Amino acid sequence: MQREYVEAGGLMSYGPNFPDLNRRAADYVDKVLRGAKPADIPVEQPTKFDLAVNLITARALGITVPPTLLARADEVIE
């Protein structure tokens, strides 16, 4: 997730969790260093996604963010 954009005034951000992707990339490196052939390692899609909402920006734009969306958000900036 590009949390920085939301902190800088963006309304919302939804995307893969980069620390999780980095950990998974380290698993790939570990497998290769242990002798696995890169062609034999399956390609994986991101599985963990984060949602961040900036309520300060929403108020400035006159947008009401539904409570159900706020409940699902991983981070809410107030």
PDB file of N, CA and C in Angstrom:
ATOM      1  N   MET A   1       0.856  -1.171   0.000  1.00  0.00           N
ATOM      2  CA  MET A   1       0.000   0.000   0.000  1.00  0.00           C
ATOM      3  C   MET A   1       0.897   1.227   0.000  1.00  0.00           C
ATOM      4  N   GLN A   2       0.474   2.253  -0.666  1.00  0.00           N
ATOM      5  CA  GLN A   2       1.226   3.496  -0.692  1.00  0.00           C
ATOM      6  C   GLN A   2       0.699   4.418   0.395  1.00  0.00           C
ATOM      7  N   ARG A   3       0.979   4.051   1.621  1.00  0.00           N
ATOM      8  CA  ARG A   3       0.521   4.792   2.797  1.00  0.00           C
ATOM      9  C   ARG A   3       1.001   6.240   2.770  1.00  0.00           C
ATOM     10  N   GLU A   4       2.160   6.461   2.177  1.00  0.00           N
ATOM     11  CA  GLU A   4       2.735   7.804   2.137  1.00  0.00           C
ATOM     12  C   GLU A   4       1.818   8.785   1.416  1.00  0.00           C
ATOM     13  N   TYR A   5       1.154   8.311   0.370  1.00  0.00           N
ATOM     14  CA  TYR A   5       0.243   9.176  -0.378  1.00  0.00           C
ATOM     15  C   TYR A   5      -0.935   9.613   0.491  1.00  0.00           C
ATOM     16  N   VAL A   6      -1.438   8.707   1.279  1.00  0.00           N
ATOM     17  CA  VAL A   6      -2.561   9.024   2.157  1.00  0.00           C
ATOM     18  C   VAL A   6      -2.104   9.980   3.256  1.00  0.00           C
ATOM     19  N   GLU A   7      -0.924   9.760   3.795  1.00  0.00           N
ATOM     20  CA  GLU A   7      -0.387  10.674   4.814  1.00  0.00           C
ATOM     21  C   GLU A   7      -0.153  12.066   4.250  1.00  0.00           C
ATOM     22  N   ALA A   8       0.167  12.141   2.952  1.00  0.00           N
ATOM     23  CA  ALA A   8       0.450  13.425   2.324  1.00  0.00           C
ATOM     24  C   ALA A   8      -0.818  14.149   1.885  1.00  0.00           C
ATOM     25  N   GLY A   9      -1.988  13.531   2.101  1.00  0.00           N
ATOM     26  CA  GLY A   9      -3.239  14.201   1.784  1.00  0.00           C
ATOM     27  C   GLY A   9      -4.122  13.461   0.812  1.00  0.00           C
ATOM     28  N   GLY A  10      -3.691  12.307   0.343  1.00  0.00           N
ATOM     29  CA  GLY A  10      -4.532  11.503  -0.540  1.00  0.00           C
ATOM     30  C   GLY A  10      -5.741  10.980   0.218  1.00  0.00           C
ATOM     31  N   LEU A  11      -6.816  10.719  -0.502  1.00  0.00           N
ATOM     32  CA  LEU A  11      -8.048  10.272   0.143  1.00  0.00           C
ATOM     33  C   LEU A  11      -7.964   8.824   0.602  1.00  0.00           C
ATOM     34  N   MET A  12      -7.571   7.924  -0.298  1.00  0.00           N
ATOM     35  CA  MET A  12      -7.518   6.500   0.035  1.00  0.00           C
ATOM     36  C   MET A  12      -6.386   5.821  -0.717  1.00  0.00           C
ATOM     37  N   SER A  13      -5.975   4.696  -0.183  1.00  0.00           N
ATOM     38  CA  SER A  13      -4.991   3.860  -0.842  1.00  0.00           C
ATOM     39  C   SER A  13      -5.354   2.410  -0.565  1.00  0.00           C
ATOM     40  N   TYR A  14      -5.317   1.599  -1.617  1.00  0.00           N
ATOM     41  CA  TYR A  14      -5.576   0.168  -1.476  1.00  0.00           C
ATOM     42  C   TYR A  14      -4.554  -0.559  -2.329  1.00  0.00           C
ATOM     43  N   GLY A  15      -3.820  -1.450  -1.725  1.00  0.00           N
ATOM     44  CA  GLY A  15      -2.819  -2.174  -2.491  1.00  0.00           C
ATOM     45  C   GLY A  15      -2.145  -3.233  -1.662  1.00  0.00           C
ATOM     46  N   PRO A  16      -1.192  -3.919  -2.284  1.00  0.00           N
ATOM     47  CA  PRO A  16      -0.509  -5.002  -1.571  1.00  0.00           C
ATOM     48  C   PRO A  16       0.311  -4.470  -0.410  1.00  0.00           C
ATOM     49  N   ASN A  17       0.457  -5.299   0.580  1.00  0.00           N
ATOM     50  CA  ASN A  17       1.259  -4.973   1.757  1.00  0.00           C
ATOM     51  C   ASN A  17       2.721  -5.221   1.393  1.00  0.00           C
ATOM     52  N   PHE A  18       3.507  -4.140   1.230  1.00  0.00           N
ATOM     53  CA  PHE A  18       4.882  -4.268   0.756  1.00  0.00           C
ATOM     54  C   PHE A  18       5.805  -4.992   1.732  1.00  0.00           C
ATOM     55  N   PRO A  19       5.693  -4.786   3.043  1.00  0.00           N
ATOM     56  CA  PRO A  19       6.545  -5.586   3.935  1.00  0.00           C
ATOM     57  C   PRO A  19       6.304  -7.098   3.771  1.00  0.00           C
ATOM     58  N   ASP A  20       5.059  -7.487   3.543  1.00  0.00           N
ATOM     59  CA  ASP A  20       4.747  -8.894   3.316  1.00  0.00           C
ATOM     60  C   ASP A  20       5.376  -9.377   2.007  1.00  0.00           C
ATOM     61  N   LEU A  21       5.303  -8.555   0.960  1.00  0.00           N
ATOM     62  CA  LEU A  21       5.927  -8.917  -0.316  1.00  0.00           C
ATOM     63  C   LEU A  21       7.436  -9.067  -0.174  1.00  0.00           C
ATOM     64  N   ASN A  22       8.052  -8.192   0.602  1.00  0.00           N
ATOM     65  CA  ASN A  22       9.500  -8.288   0.812  1.00  0.00           C
ATOM     66  C   ASN A  22       9.880  -9.563   1.553  1.00  0.00           C
ATOM     67  N   ARG A  23       9.078  -9.945   2.539  1.00  0.00           N
ATOM     68  CA  ARG A  23       9.344 -11.196   3.255  1.00  0.00           C
ATOM     69  C   ARG A  23       9.237 -12.384   2.315  1.00  0.00           C
ATOM     70  N   ARG A  24       8.231 -12.353   1.457  1.00  0.00           N
ATOM     71  CA  ARG A  24       8.046 -13.454   0.510  1.00  0.00           C
ATOM     72  C   ARG A  24       9.172 -13.486  -0.515  1.00  0.00           C
ATOM     73  N   ALA A  25       9.663 -12.328  -0.912  1.00  0.00           N
ATOM     74  CA  ALA A  25      10.801 -12.277  -1.827  1.00  0.00           C
ATOM     75  C   ALA A  25      12.033 -12.882  -1.163  1.00  0.00           C
ATOM     76  N   ALA A  26      12.202 -12.616   0.122  1.00  0.00           N
ATOM     77  CA  ALA A  26      13.329 -13.201   0.857  1.00  0.00           C
ATOM     78  C   ALA A  26      13.223 -14.722   0.885  1.00  0.00           C
ATOM     79  N   ASP A  27      12.005 -15.248   0.945  1.00  0.00           N
ATOM     80  CA  ASP A  27      11.816 -16.706   0.888  1.00  0.00           C
ATOM     81  C   ASP A  27      12.297 -17.262  -0.454  1.00  0.00           C
ATOM     82  N   TYR A  28      12.010 -16.524  -1.532  1.00  0.00           N
ATOM     83  CA  TYR A  28      12.485 -16.940  -2.856  1.00  0.00           C
ATOM     84  C   TYR A  28      14.015 -16.966  -2.890  1.00  0.00           C
ATOM     85  N   VAL A  29      14.638 -15.923  -2.386  1.00  0.00           N
ATOM     86  CA  VAL A  29      16.104 -15.848  -2.366  1.00  0.00           C
ATOM     87  C   VAL A  29      16.667 -17.010  -1.566  1.00  0.00           C
ATOM     88  N   ASP A  30      16.045 -17.294  -0.420  1.00  0.00           N
ATOM     89  CA  ASP A  30      16.497 -18.404   0.419  1.00  0.00           C
ATOM     90  C   ASP A  30      16.422 -19.722  -0.346  1.00  0.00           C
ATOM     91  N   LYS A  31      15.339 -19.943  -1.059  1.00  0.00           N
ATOM     92  CA  LYS A  31      15.188 -21.187  -1.823  1.00  0.00           C
ATOM     93  C   LYS A  31      16.251 -21.297  -2.909  1.00  0.00           C
ATOM     94  N   VAL A  32      16.520 -20.206  -3.604  1.00  0.00           N
ATOM     95  CA  VAL A  32      17.534 -20.229  -4.668  1.00  0.00           C
ATOM     96  C   VAL A  32      18.917 -20.476  -4.076  1.00  0.00           C
ATOM     97  N   LEU A  33      19.217 -19.816  -2.966  1.00  0.00           N
ATOM     98  CA  LEU A  33      20.527 -20.014  -2.340  1.00  0.00           C
ATOM     99  C   LEU A  33      20.704 -21.423  -1.793  1.00  0.00           C
ATOM    100  N   ARG A  34      19.612 -22.083  -1.510  1.00  0.00           N
ATOM    101  CA  ARG A  34      19.679 -23.468  -1.024  1.00  0.00           C
ATOM    102  C   ARG A  34      19.702 -24.481  -2.169  1.00  0.00           C
ATOM    103  N   GLY A  35      19.698 -23.977  -3.402  1.00  0.00           N
ATOM    104  CA  GLY A  35      19.873 -24.872  -4.541  1.00  0.00           C
ATOM    105  C   GLY A  35      18.660 -25.064  -5.436  1.00  0.00           C
ATOM    106  N   ALA A  36      17.539 -24.462  -5.113  1.00  0.00           N
ATOM    107  CA  ALA A  36      16.358 -24.625  -5.977  1.00  0.00           C
ATOM    108  C   ALA A  36      16.568 -23.881  -7.288  1.00  0.00           C
ATOM    109  N   LYS A  37      16.053 -24.445  -8.358  1.00  0.00           N
ATOM    110  CA  LYS A  37      16.135 -23.773  -9.647  1.00  0.00           C
ATOM    111  C   LYS A  37      15.039 -22.716  -9.712  1.00  0.00           C
ATOM    112  N   PRO A  38      15.376 -21.488 -10.093  1.00  0.00           N
ATOM    113  CA  PRO A  38      14.352 -20.437 -10.167  1.00  0.00           C
ATOM    114  C   PRO A  38      13.160 -20.819 -11.045  1.00  0.00           C
ATOM    115  N   ALA A  39      13.399 -21.574 -12.096  1.00  0.00           N
ATOM    116  CA  ALA A  39      12.306 -21.980 -12.987  1.00  0.00           C
ATOM    117  C   ALA A  39      11.333 -22.933 -12.300  1.00  0.00           C
ATOM    118  N   ASP A  40      11.780 -23.610 -11.245  1.00  0.00           N
ATOM    119  CA  ASP A  40      10.920 -24.563 -10.537  1.00  0.00           C
ATOM    120  C   ASP A  40      10.109 -23.930  -9.411  1.00  0.00           C
ATOM    121  N   ILE A  41      10.409 -22.685  -9.079  1.00  0.00           N
ATOM    122  CA  ILE A  41       9.699 -22.006  -7.990  1.00  0.00           C
ATOM    123  C   ILE A  41       8.451 -21.341  -8.577  1.00  0.00           C
ATOM    124  N   PRO A  42       7.276 -21.644  -8.042  1.00  0.00           N
ATOM    125  CA  PRO A  42       6.051 -21.060  -8.602  1.00  0.00           C
ATOM    126  C   PRO A  42       5.961 -19.545  -8.353  1.00  0.00           C
ATOM    127  N   VAL A  43       5.349 -18.873  -9.296  1.00  0.00           N
ATOM    128  CA  VAL A  43       5.107 -17.438  -9.151  1.00  0.00           C
ATOM    129  C   VAL A  43       3.889 -17.258  -8.264  1.00  0.00           C
ATOM    130  N   GLU A  44       3.992 -16.358  -7.299  1.00  0.00           N
ATOM    131  CA  GLU A  44       2.881 -16.124  -6.374  1.00  0.00           C
ATOM    132  C   GLU A  44       2.334 -14.713  -6.548  1.00  0.00           C
ATOM    133  N   GLN A  45       1.058 -14.580  -6.372  1.00  0.00           N
ATOM    134  CA  GLN A  45       0.394 -13.282  -6.389  1.00  0.00           C
ATOM    135  C   GLN A  45       0.320 -12.752  -4.961  1.00  0.00           C
ATOM    136  N   PRO A  46       0.235 -11.436  -4.797  1.00  0.00           N
ATOM    137  CA  PRO A  46       0.057 -10.898  -3.438  1.00  0.00           C
ATOM    138  C   PRO A  46      -1.217 -11.456  -2.816  1.00  0.00           C
ATOM    139  N   THR A  47      -1.148 -11.726  -1.528  1.00  0.00           N
ATOM    140  CA  THR A  47      -2.319 -12.259  -0.825  1.00  0.00           C
ATOM    141  C   THR A  47      -2.808 -11.333   0.275  1.00  0.00           C
ATOM    142  N   LYS A  48      -1.972 -10.397   0.689  1.00  0.00           N
ATOM    143  CA  LYS A  48      -2.355  -9.478   1.763  1.00  0.00           C
ATOM    144  C   LYS A  48      -2.419  -8.060   1.198  1.00  0.00           C
ATOM    145  N   PHE A  49      -3.569  -7.434   1.359  1.00  0.00           N
ATOM    146  CA  PHE A  49      -3.794  -6.080   0.867  1.00  0.00           C
ATOM    147  C   PHE A  49      -4.201  -5.177   2.020  1.00  0.00           C
ATOM    148  N   ASP A  50      -3.839  -3.903   1.928  1.00  0.00           N
ATOM    149  CA  ASP A  50      -4.156  -2.937   2.976  1.00  0.00           C
ATOM    150  C   ASP A  50      -4.958  -1.781   2.403  1.00  0.00           C
ATOM    151  N   LEU A  51      -5.846  -1.265   3.230  1.00  0.00           N
ATOM    152  CA  LEU A  51      -6.663  -0.107   2.877  1.00  0.00           C
ATOM    153  C   LEU A  51      -6.414   0.987   3.908  1.00  0.00           C
ATOM    154  N   ALA A  52      -6.091   2.184   3.419  1.00  0.00           N
ATOM    155  CA  ALA A  52      -5.901   3.339   4.297  1.00  0.00           C
ATOM    156  C   ALA A  52      -6.836   4.445   3.838  1.00  0.00           C
ATOM    157  N   VAL A  53      -7.444   5.142   4.801  1.00  0.00           N
ATOM    158  CA  VAL A  53      -8.389   6.219   4.509  1.00  0.00           C
ATOM    159  C   VAL A  53      -7.972   7.455   5.297  1.00  0.00           C
ATOM    160  N   ASN A  54      -7.984   8.599   4.634  1.00  0.00           N
ATOM    161  CA  ASN A  54      -7.646   9.870   5.275  1.00  0.00           C
ATOM    162  C   ASN A  54      -8.946  10.649   5.482  1.00  0.00           C
ATOM    163  N   LEU A  55      -9.428  10.678   6.722  1.00  0.00           N
ATOM    164  CA  LEU A  55     -10.683  11.375   7.019  1.00  0.00           C
ATOM    165  C   LEU A  55     -10.533  12.888   6.969  1.00  0.00           C
ATOM    166  N   ILE A  56      -9.331  13.397   7.185  1.00  0.00           N
ATOM    167  CA  ILE A  56      -9.097  14.843   7.092  1.00  0.00           C
ATOM    168  C   ILE A  56      -9.364  15.297   5.659  1.00  0.00           C
ATOM    169  N   THR A  57      -8.839  14.557   4.702  1.00  0.00           N
ATOM    170  CA  THR A  57      -9.057  14.881   3.289  1.00  0.00           C
ATOM    171  C   THR A  57     -10.513  14.692   2.918  1.00  0.00           C
ATOM    172  N   ALA A  58     -11.136  13.646   3.427  1.00  0.00           N
ATOM    173  CA  ALA A  58     -12.548  13.406   3.123  1.00  0.00           C
ATOM    174  C   ALA A  58     -13.408  14.578   3.601  1.00  0.00           C
ATOM    175  N   ARG A  59     -13.141  15.056   4.813  1.00  0.00           N
ATOM    176  CA  ARG A  59     -13.895  16.205   5.331  1.00  0.00           C
ATOM    177  C   ARG A  59     -13.655  17.453   4.472  1.00  0.00           C
ATOM    178  N   ALA A  60     -12.404  17.680   4.061  1.00  0.00           N
ATOM    179  CA  ALA A  60     -12.066  18.849   3.243  1.00  0.00           C
ATOM    180  C   ALA A  60     -12.771  18.804   1.889  1.00  0.00           C
ATOM    181  N   LEU A  61     -12.989  17.597   1.367  1.00  0.00           N
ATOM    182  CA  LEU A  61     -13.678  17.438   0.087  1.00  0.00           C
ATOM    183  C   LEU A  61     -15.193  17.336   0.234  1.00  0.00           C
ATOM    184  N   GLY A  62     -15.672  17.273   1.472  1.00  0.00           N
ATOM    185  CA  GLY A  62     -17.104  17.143   1.717  1.00  0.00           C
ATOM    186  C   GLY A  62     -17.627  15.743   1.450  1.00  0.00           C
ATOM    187  N   ILE A  63     -16.763  14.759   1.593  1.00  0.00           N
ATOM    188  CA  ILE A  63     -17.130  13.367   1.337  1.00  0.00           C
ATOM    189  C   ILE A  63     -17.403  12.664   2.660  1.00  0.00           C
ATOM    190  N   THR A  64     -18.493  11.947   2.711  1.00  0.00           N
ATOM    191  CA  THR A  64     -18.800  11.121   3.879  1.00  0.00           C
ATOM    192  C   THR A  64     -18.356   9.699   3.575  1.00  0.00           C
ATOM    193  N   VAL A  65     -17.435   9.201   4.364  1.00  0.00           N
ATOM    194  CA  VAL A  65     -16.950   7.832   4.184  1.00  0.00           C
ATOM    195  C   VAL A  65     -17.860   6.906   4.972  1.00  0.00           C
ATOM    196  N   PRO A  66     -18.462   5.922   4.315  1.00  0.00           N
ATOM    197  CA  PRO A  66     -19.370   5.011   5.016  1.00  0.00           C
ATOM    198  C   PRO A  66     -18.677   4.277   6.165  1.00  0.00           C
ATOM    199  N   PRO A  67     -19.399   4.100   7.261  1.00  0.00           N
ATOM    200  CA  PRO A  67     -18.815   3.398   8.419  1.00  0.00           C
ATOM    201  C   PRO A  67     -18.354   1.981   8.087  1.00  0.00           C
ATOM    202  N   THR A  68     -19.022   1.325   7.143  1.00  0.00           N
ATOM    203  CA  THR A  68     -18.607  -0.027   6.777  1.00  0.00           C
ATOM    204  C   THR A  68     -17.230  -0.023   6.116  1.00  0.00           C
ATOM    205  N   LEU A  69     -16.933   1.022   5.346  1.00  0.00           N
ATOM    206  CA  LEU A  69     -15.611   1.144   4.731  1.00  0.00           C
ATOM    207  C   LEU A  69     -14.556   1.438   5.791  1.00  0.00           C
ATOM    208  N   LEU A  70     -14.895   2.299   6.737  1.00  0.00           N
ATOM    209  CA  LEU A  70     -13.961   2.608   7.826  1.00  0.00           C
ATOM    210  C   LEU A  70     -13.674   1.376   8.670  1.00  0.00           C
ATOM    211  N   ALA A  71     -14.688   0.546   8.852  1.00  0.00           N
ATOM    212  CA  ALA A  71     -14.499  -0.670   9.650  1.00  0.00           C
ATOM    213  C   ALA A  71     -13.552  -1.649   8.956  1.00  0.00           C
ATOM    214  N   ARG A  72     -13.516  -1.627   7.632  1.00  0.00           N
ATOM    215  CA  ARG A  72     -12.654  -2.528   6.887  1.00  0.00           C
ATOM    216  C   ARG A  72     -11.244  -1.996   6.716  1.00  0.00           C
ATOM    217  N   ALA A  73     -11.058  -0.698   6.941  1.00  0.00           N
ATOM    218  CA  ALA A  73      -9.753  -0.062   6.716  1.00  0.00           C
ATOM    219  C   ALA A  73      -8.717  -0.576   7.720  1.00  0.00           C
ATOM    220  N   ASP A  74      -7.517  -0.775   7.222  1.00  0.00           N
ATOM    221  CA  ASP A  74      -6.409  -1.173   8.085  1.00  0.00           C
ATOM    222  C   ASP A  74      -5.843   0.025   8.826  1.00  0.00           C
ATOM    223  N   GLU A  75      -5.993   1.210   8.223  1.00  0.00           N
ATOM    224  CA  GLU A  75      -5.517   2.430   8.867  1.00  0.00           C
ATOM    225  C   GLU A  75      -6.456   3.583   8.515  1.00  0.00           C
ATOM    226  N   VAL A  76      -6.821   4.353   9.519  1.00  0.00           N
ATOM    227  CA  VAL A  76      -7.660   5.539   9.329  1.00  0.00           C
ATOM    228  C   VAL A  76      -6.900   6.729   9.917  1.00  0.00           C
ATOM    229  N   ILE A  77      -6.655   7.730   9.074  1.00  0.00           N
ATOM    230  CA  ILE A  77      -5.973   8.941   9.523  1.00  0.00           C
ATOM    231  C   ILE A  77      -7.026   9.970   9.831  1.00  0.00           C
ATOM    232  N   GLU A  78      -7.046  10.445  11.086  1.00  0.00           N
ATOM    233  CA  GLU A  78      -8.068  11.396  11.502  1.00  0.00           C
ATOM    234  C   GLU A  78      -7.476  12.750  11.791  1.00  0.00           C
TER     235      GLU A  78
END
